[in-house]
């Protein structure tokens, strides 16, 4: 029985790998980010509010950055809802950028939109 469960788990992992899930899994957690805070300010060009993470696309001087937020539930718990911001709003994101310097991608612990602060990862947000 235990062997059967092992093979089912291995088969599920192989199916995930074959489906392209590794790209999504690669950006889950914080291992893909640099240590130390990174701050980004720009204009929101797109908003996605869904799993695995809501994201903001942010134009910073002509370059579009992807900003990952927390899970939808944690982001909502921080007070940032689907209609909190809109395309064209200015946002400041504070968090950690990708270790891959070729990516314009970061994971925010805190975002500031329209003068309101949302600590989507309150345990990781910088203290003020």
Protein backbone atom coordinates (compact mmCIF):
# COMPACT_ATOMS: atom_id res chain seq x y z
CA UNK A 1 0.00 0.00 0.00
CA UNK A 2 2.82 2.43 0.89
CA UNK A 3 4.61 1.59 -2.35
CA UNK A 4 1.46 2.27 -4.31
CA UNK A 5 1.10 5.70 -2.66
CA UNK A 6 4.75 6.42 -3.52
CA UNK A 7 4.21 5.59 -7.19
CA UNK A 8 1.04 7.70 -7.32
CA UNK A 9 2.97 10.66 -5.88
CA UNK A 10 5.83 10.10 -8.32
CA UNK A 11 3.38 9.89 -11.21
CA UNK A 12 1.66 13.10 -10.08
CA UNK A 13 5.04 14.87 -9.85
CA UNK A 14 5.97 13.66 -13.34
CA UNK A 15 2.63 14.88 -14.70
CA UNK A 16 3.19 18.30 -13.14
CA UNK A 17 6.66 18.47 -14.61
CA UNK A 18 5.36 17.53 -18.05
CA UNK A 19 2.55 20.10 -17.87
CA UNK A 20 4.81 23.10 -17.51
CA UNK A 21 4.09 23.49 -13.80
CA UNK A 22 7.80 23.83 -12.98
CA UNK A 23 7.75 27.41 -14.22
CA UNK A 24 5.00 28.23 -11.75
CA UNK A 25 6.60 26.22 -8.97
CA UNK A 26 9.92 27.94 -9.59
CA UNK A 27 8.38 31.19 -8.42
CA UNK A 28 6.58 29.75 -5.43
CA UNK A 29 8.12 30.57 -2.07
CA UNK A 30 11.09 32.89 -1.71
CA UNK A 31 14.04 30.75 -2.83
CA UNK A 32 13.96 32.37 -6.28
CA UNK A 33 14.41 35.85 -4.83
CA UNK A 34 17.44 37.77 -3.68
CA UNK A 35 18.05 38.53 -0.05
CA UNK A 36 17.47 42.11 1.00
CA UNK A 37 14.67 44.46 0.08
CA UNK A 38 14.10 45.87 -3.35
CA UNK A 39 11.80 48.84 -4.01
CA UNK A 40 10.03 49.52 -7.25
CA UNK A 41 7.78 52.45 -8.14
CA UNK A 42 5.83 52.71 -11.36
CA UNK A 43 2.47 52.65 -13.07
CA UNK A 44 0.22 49.60 -13.08
CA UNK A 45 -0.35 48.33 -16.63
CA UNK A 46 -2.17 45.08 -15.78
CA UNK A 47 -3.70 43.39 -12.76
CA UNK A 48 -4.32 39.68 -12.32
CA UNK A 49 -6.18 38.59 -9.19
CA UNK A 50 -6.15 34.81 -8.96
CA UNK A 51 -4.13 31.72 -8.13
CA UNK A 52 -1.43 31.03 -7.39
CA UNK A 53 -0.69 34.71 -6.72
CA UNK A 54 -2.27 37.98 -7.76
CA UNK A 55 0.19 39.93 -9.87
CA UNK A 56 0.70 43.47 -11.00
CA UNK A 57 2.51 44.45 -14.17
CA UNK A 58 4.23 47.74 -13.48
CA UNK A 59 5.79 50.10 -16.01
CA UNK A 60 8.98 51.57 -14.64
CA UNK A 61 10.55 54.01 -17.07
CA UNK A 62 9.48 51.96 -20.08
CA UNK A 63 10.27 48.53 -18.66
CA UNK A 64 7.46 46.31 -17.44
CA UNK A 65 8.07 44.48 -14.18
CA UNK A 66 5.99 41.61 -12.84
CA UNK A 67 5.16 41.99 -9.13
CA UNK A 68 3.90 38.86 -7.37
CA UNK A 69 1.71 39.39 -4.33
CA UNK A 70 0.74 36.82 -1.69
CA UNK A 71 -1.91 34.18 -2.29
CA UNK A 72 -5.34 35.64 -3.09
CA UNK A 73 -6.54 34.89 0.45
CA UNK A 74 -3.51 36.51 2.13
CA UNK A 75 -3.63 39.48 -0.24
CA UNK A 76 -7.32 39.99 0.59
CA UNK A 77 -6.54 39.62 4.30
CA UNK A 78 -4.08 42.51 3.88
CA UNK A 79 -6.97 44.58 2.52
CA UNK A 80 -5.88 44.59 -1.13
CA UNK A 81 -8.91 43.40 -3.10
CA UNK A 82 -9.43 42.90 -6.80
CA UNK A 83 -10.82 46.42 -7.21
CA UNK A 84 -8.41 48.20 -4.85
CA UNK A 85 -6.21 49.40 -7.71
CA UNK A 86 -6.72 49.98 -11.39
CA UNK A 87 -4.57 50.24 -14.47
CA UNK A 88 -2.88 53.63 -14.46
CA UNK A 89 -2.48 53.86 -10.68
CA UNK A 90 0.99 54.44 -9.28
CA UNK A 91 2.30 51.67 -7.05
CA UNK A 92 5.34 51.22 -4.88
CA UNK A 93 6.28 47.61 -4.22
CA UNK A 94 8.78 46.62 -1.57
CA UNK A 95 10.02 43.07 -1.44
CA UNK A 96 12.61 40.89 -3.09
CA UNK A 97 13.59 40.75 -6.73
CA UNK A 98 14.38 37.65 -8.74
CA UNK A 99 17.85 36.19 -8.39
CA UNK A 100 17.86 35.96 -12.18
CA UNK A 101 19.01 39.44 -13.18
CA UNK A 102 17.55 38.93 -16.67
CA UNK A 103 14.03 38.83 -15.17
CA UNK A 104 12.14 41.97 -14.29
CA UNK A 105 10.25 40.14 -11.59
CA UNK A 106 9.84 40.59 -7.85
CA UNK A 107 7.77 39.29 -4.97
CA UNK A 108 6.29 42.06 -2.87
CA UNK A 109 5.95 41.95 0.89
CA UNK A 110 4.35 45.42 0.88
CA UNK A 111 2.64 47.54 -1.74
CA UNK A 112 1.52 51.15 -1.52
CA UNK A 113 -1.31 52.21 -3.84
CA UNK A 114 -3.27 55.45 -3.73
CA UNK A 115 -1.68 56.36 -0.39
CA UNK A 116 -2.71 53.10 1.31
CA UNK A 117 -0.23 50.49 2.48
CA UNK A 118 -0.92 46.75 2.16
CA UNK A 119 1.41 44.30 3.88
CA UNK A 120 0.62 41.19 1.86
CA UNK A 121 3.34 39.33 3.77
CA UNK A 122 3.23 41.14 7.14
CA UNK A 123 5.89 38.89 8.65
CA UNK A 124 8.30 39.85 5.85
CA UNK A 125 7.36 43.51 5.36
CA UNK A 126 10.01 46.01 6.44
CA UNK A 127 9.47 47.62 9.80
CA UNK A 128 9.06 51.37 9.77
